[in-house]
Protein backbone atom coordinates (compact mmCIF):
# COMPACT_ATOMS: atom_id res chain seq x y z
CA UNK A 1 40.44 -24.12 -88.57
CA UNK A 2 41.31 -21.00 -86.20
CA UNK A 3 38.61 -18.00 -86.48
CA UNK A 4 39.43 -13.90 -87.82
CA UNK A 5 38.42 -13.68 -84.34
CA UNK A 6 40.92 -15.81 -83.10
CA UNK A 7 43.76 -15.19 -84.87
CA UNK A 8 43.20 -11.02 -84.34
CA UNK A 9 43.32 -11.54 -80.61
CA UNK A 10 46.84 -13.84 -80.86
CA UNK A 11 48.70 -10.72 -83.03
CA UNK A 12 48.02 -8.64 -80.91
CA UNK A 13 49.23 -11.09 -77.75
CA UNK A 14 52.24 -9.52 -76.30
CA UNK A 15 54.17 -11.91 -74.54
CA UNK A 16 57.30 -11.68 -72.32
CA UNK A 17 59.36 -14.96 -73.42
CA UNK A 18 59.20 -16.34 -70.07
CA UNK A 19 57.44 -20.20 -69.94
CA UNK A 20 53.98 -19.54 -71.26
CA UNK A 21 50.99 -21.28 -69.59
CA UNK A 22 47.64 -21.83 -71.96
CA UNK A 23 44.82 -22.52 -69.28
CA UNK A 24 40.98 -23.51 -70.46
CA UNK A 25 38.81 -22.01 -67.98
CA UNK A 26 35.25 -23.53 -68.10
CA UNK A 27 34.96 -26.89 -65.84
CA UNK A 28 39.37 -26.32 -65.26
CA UNK A 29 38.74 -22.50 -64.03
CA UNK A 30 35.40 -21.60 -63.18
CA UNK A 31 32.60 -24.28 -62.59
CA UNK A 32 31.14 -25.27 -65.80
CA UNK A 33 28.57 -28.18 -65.50
CA UNK A 34 27.16 -27.27 -62.09
CA UNK A 35 26.15 -24.30 -63.69
CA UNK A 36 24.98 -25.30 -66.80
CA UNK A 37 23.49 -28.34 -64.84
CA UNK A 38 21.17 -25.67 -62.59
CA UNK A 39 19.96 -23.47 -66.07
CA UNK A 40 18.92 -26.65 -67.46
CA UNK A 41 17.22 -27.57 -64.58
CA UNK A 42 15.71 -24.52 -64.65
CA UNK A 43 14.19 -24.97 -67.53
CA UNK A 44 12.99 -28.87 -67.88
CA UNK A 45 16.32 -30.29 -68.29
CA UNK A 46 18.55 -32.27 -66.88
CA UNK A 47 22.17 -33.77 -68.20
CA UNK A 48 23.34 -37.04 -67.73
CA UNK A 49 26.69 -38.07 -67.22
CA UNK A 50 26.70 -40.74 -69.62
CA UNK A 51 29.47 -39.95 -71.92
CA UNK A 52 31.66 -36.55 -71.67
CA UNK A 53 29.89 -35.20 -74.57
CA UNK A 54 26.80 -32.86 -74.24
CA UNK A 55 24.87 -33.65 -77.33
CA UNK A 56 23.24 -36.33 -76.71
CA UNK A 57 23.08 -35.46 -72.84
CA UNK A 58 20.72 -32.30 -72.08
CA UNK A 59 16.99 -34.18 -71.89
CA UNK A 60 14.10 -33.56 -70.72
CA UNK A 61 12.36 -33.93 -67.57
CA UNK A 62 9.49 -35.17 -67.98
CA UNK A 63 9.88 -38.08 -71.51
CA UNK A 64 13.99 -38.59 -70.70
CA UNK A 65 14.24 -37.65 -74.35
CA UNK A 66 17.70 -36.17 -75.05
CA UNK A 67 17.65 -33.29 -77.65
CA UNK A 68 18.66 -32.92 -80.64
CA UNK A 69 22.18 -31.53 -81.46
CA UNK A 70 21.46 -27.89 -82.41
CA UNK A 71 18.69 -27.19 -79.96
CA UNK A 72 21.69 -28.29 -77.03
CA UNK A 73 24.01 -26.11 -79.04
CA UNK A 74 21.76 -23.08 -79.23
CA UNK A 75 21.31 -24.02 -75.09
CA UNK A 76 24.69 -23.63 -74.72
CA UNK A 77 24.83 -20.17 -76.08
CA UNK A 78 21.95 -19.00 -74.39
CA UNK A 79 23.64 -19.83 -70.89
CA UNK A 80 26.67 -18.54 -71.53
CA UNK A 81 25.33 -15.51 -72.78
CA UNK A 82 23.28 -14.50 -69.59
CA UNK A 83 25.11 -16.93 -67.24
CA UNK A 84 29.28 -15.97 -68.61
CA UNK A 85 29.56 -12.70 -65.73
CA UNK A 86 28.09 -14.94 -62.92
CA UNK A 87 30.43 -17.75 -62.61
CA UNK A 88 32.59 -19.42 -59.96
CA UNK A 89 35.57 -20.68 -59.60
CA UNK A 90 36.59 -24.05 -58.86
CA UNK A 91 38.62 -24.83 -55.42
CA UNK A 92 41.99 -23.55 -55.58
CA UNK A 93 41.80 -22.31 -59.43
CA UNK A 94 42.79 -18.74 -58.69
CA UNK A 95 45.72 -18.55 -56.53
CA UNK A 96 47.49 -21.75 -58.47
CA UNK A 97 47.36 -19.60 -61.50
CA UNK A 98 48.38 -16.61 -59.35
CA UNK A 99 51.18 -17.78 -58.28
CA UNK A 100 52.08 -19.56 -62.01
CA UNK A 101 51.74 -16.41 -62.71
CA UNK A 102 54.61 -14.53 -60.89
CA UNK A 103 57.15 -17.61 -62.99
CA UNK A 104 55.61 -17.50 -66.84
CA UNK A 105 53.20 -15.65 -68.76
CA UNK A 106 49.37 -16.94 -69.08
CA UNK A 107 46.68 -17.07 -71.88
CA UNK A 108 43.32 -18.37 -71.12
CA UNK A 109 41.87 -20.04 -74.36
CA UNK A 110 38.26 -20.55 -73.84
CA UNK A 111 35.65 -21.68 -76.09
CA UNK A 112 32.92 -20.24 -75.62
CA UNK A 113 30.60 -17.61 -78.55
CA UNK A 114 33.35 -14.18 -79.32
CA UNK A 115 30.16 -11.89 -78.41
CA UNK A 116 30.83 -13.53 -74.79
CA UNK A 117 34.36 -12.85 -74.10
CA UNK A 118 34.28 -9.59 -73.09
CA UNK A 119 31.90 -10.68 -69.81
CA UNK A 120 34.62 -13.55 -69.31
CA UNK A 121 37.34 -11.41 -69.42
CA UNK A 122 35.03 -9.62 -66.77
CA UNK A 123 34.43 -12.19 -64.74
CA UNK A 124 38.10 -13.59 -64.74
CA UNK A 125 38.65 -10.32 -63.72
CA UNK A 126 36.42 -9.98 -60.45
CA UNK A 127 38.15 -13.53 -59.39
CA UNK A 128 41.23 -11.52 -59.18
CA UNK A 129 43.03 -13.43 -62.73
CA UNK A 130 44.79 -10.43 -64.66
CA UNK A 131 46.04 -12.88 -67.76
CA UNK A 132 44.89 -11.99 -71.49
CA UNK A 133 41.67 -13.85 -72.24
CA UNK A 134 41.74 -15.52 -76.15
CA UNK A 135 37.92 -17.06 -77.38
CA UNK A 136 38.06 -19.86 -79.93
CA UNK A 137 35.53 -22.16 -81.73
CA UNK A 138 36.35 -25.54 -82.64
CA UNK A 139 40.18 -27.27 -82.28
CA UNK A 140 42.33 -25.55 -80.46
CA UNK A 141 45.31 -26.67 -81.62
CA UNK A 142 45.87 -24.35 -83.95
CA UNK A 143 45.93 -21.46 -82.01
CA UNK A 144 47.91 -23.51 -79.23
CA UNK A 145 50.66 -23.65 -82.36
CA UNK A 146 50.11 -19.89 -82.79
CA UNK A 147 51.33 -19.21 -78.82
CA UNK A 148 54.05 -21.63 -78.69
CA UNK A 149 55.29 -20.47 -81.25
CA UNK A 150 55.41 -16.72 -79.39
CA UNK A 151 58.35 -18.03 -77.12
CA UNK A 152 61.39 -20.53 -77.08
CA UNK A 153 60.49 -20.77 -73.17
CA UNK A 154 58.62 -24.41 -72.03
CA UNK A 155 54.98 -24.20 -73.34
CA UNK A 156 52.12 -26.00 -70.92
CA UNK A 157 48.30 -26.19 -72.11
CA UNK A 158 45.30 -27.39 -69.54
CA UNK A 159 41.76 -28.54 -70.43
CA UNK A 160 39.56 -30.67 -69.85
CA UNK A 161 38.26 -32.08 -73.28
CA UNK A 162 40.14 -34.79 -74.54
CA UNK A 163 39.24 -33.60 -77.65
CA UNK A 164 41.19 -30.47 -77.00
CA UNK A 165 44.39 -32.12 -75.70
CA UNK A 166 44.76 -34.51 -78.71
CA UNK A 167 44.20 -30.97 -81.46
CA UNK A 168 47.56 -29.53 -79.14
CA UNK A 169 49.12 -32.89 -79.17
CA UNK A 170 48.91 -32.95 -83.33
CA UNK A 171 49.53 -29.12 -83.94
CA UNK A 172 52.07 -28.05 -80.89
CA UNK A 173 53.79 -32.09 -79.90
CA UNK A 174 56.57 -29.50 -77.61
CA UNK A 175 53.61 -28.58 -75.79
CA UNK A 176 53.14 -30.19 -72.15
CA UNK A 177 49.49 -31.61 -71.49
CA UNK A 178 47.83 -31.64 -68.80
CA UNK A 179 43.81 -33.35 -68.54
CA UNK A 180 42.40 -31.58 -66.02
CA UNK A 181 39.34 -33.58 -65.39
CA UNK A 182 37.25 -31.79 -62.15
CA UNK A 183 34.23 -33.84 -62.23
CA UNK A 184 34.21 -37.65 -62.16
CA UNK A 185 30.96 -38.49 -63.48
CA UNK A 186 32.72 -37.42 -66.87
CA UNK A 187 36.01 -38.21 -66.32
CA UNK A 188 35.56 -41.90 -66.13
CA UNK A 189 34.63 -41.40 -69.64
CA UNK A 190 37.45 -39.51 -70.83
CA UNK A 191 40.12 -42.28 -71.87
CA UNK A 192 43.78 -42.36 -70.94
CA UNK A 193 46.46 -41.01 -73.04
CA UNK A 194 49.30 -41.97 -73.25
CA UNK A 195 50.81 -38.21 -74.31
CA UNK A 196 49.84 -36.22 -71.26
CA UNK A 197 51.79 -35.47 -69.21
CA UNK A 198 49.45 -34.97 -65.98
CA UNK A 199 45.86 -36.59 -65.38
CA UNK A 200 44.32 -34.65 -62.66
CA UNK A 201 41.27 -33.74 -60.92
CA UNK A 202 42.33 -30.80 -58.36
CA UNK A 203 45.10 -28.09 -58.53
CA UNK A 204 46.63 -28.98 -55.62
CA UNK A 205 48.09 -31.86 -57.85
CA UNK A 206 48.44 -29.69 -61.33
CA UNK A 207 50.07 -26.29 -59.42
CA UNK A 208 53.70 -28.17 -58.96
CA UNK A 209 53.46 -30.48 -61.88
CA UNK A 210 53.62 -27.14 -63.91
CA UNK A 211 56.10 -25.82 -62.10
CA UNK A 212 58.08 -28.85 -62.54
CA UNK A 213 57.60 -27.94 -66.25
CA UNK A 214 58.07 -24.56 -66.47
CA UNK A 215 61.24 -24.36 -63.91
C-alpha cells in the first residue's frame, strides 16, 4: 500500500523518457549503519549484527538486552530527525550516480519519515546530487511499479534491503534489480536471490553494470 504522500510526490514527478534508475539512499548512497551506531552509542546502546533486521539487534550496552520494537522505531525516527542533514556519502556513490545521470533519469526512493524528506533533499544536494527524492513508507514495490510505468525504457532499482528487492520483483518484474550490500557484517545474513541482476558491495562494480543495463 502506497502512502498518500508518496503518491502525491510521484504524481508531481516529470521524467524525460530516458532509461530510469531508481536508487535507495541509506547504506547505498549514504552511510547509515556507521552513523546509526555512533548515534546509538551516545545513548548507551549498540547495534549487534546478528541478523539483517534492526529490531532485536539494538541492545543496551550495560545489559546486552535488546530493545522492544516500538523503542527501536522511536530511536530510528529520532535518528532521522537529528542526523539526516549530516550523513556522509559512501565511497564512489556520488560520482557514480552523476555519471549514470548523463544517460538516465535518476530518482532517489528512500524510506524515512516524510517529515525528514526536506532534510534528505538538502543533504543530497549538498553532496552534489540534483535528483528528485521520493519519500516512502513500507514496501517499495508499488512506488517502483508506478515509476517504471512512467518510462518505456529500461529501468533499474538499487537497494540494500532484501525485502524491498523482493517487493520490487513482485510488483515490477521487468525492472532490473541490483542488491547493494555495503556492510559485510549484515550482508552475510542476506540470502542470494536468483532474480537479482547483480549483488555487490561497491559502486566500482555497480556503476558499469547499471550503464550496461541501460545502454
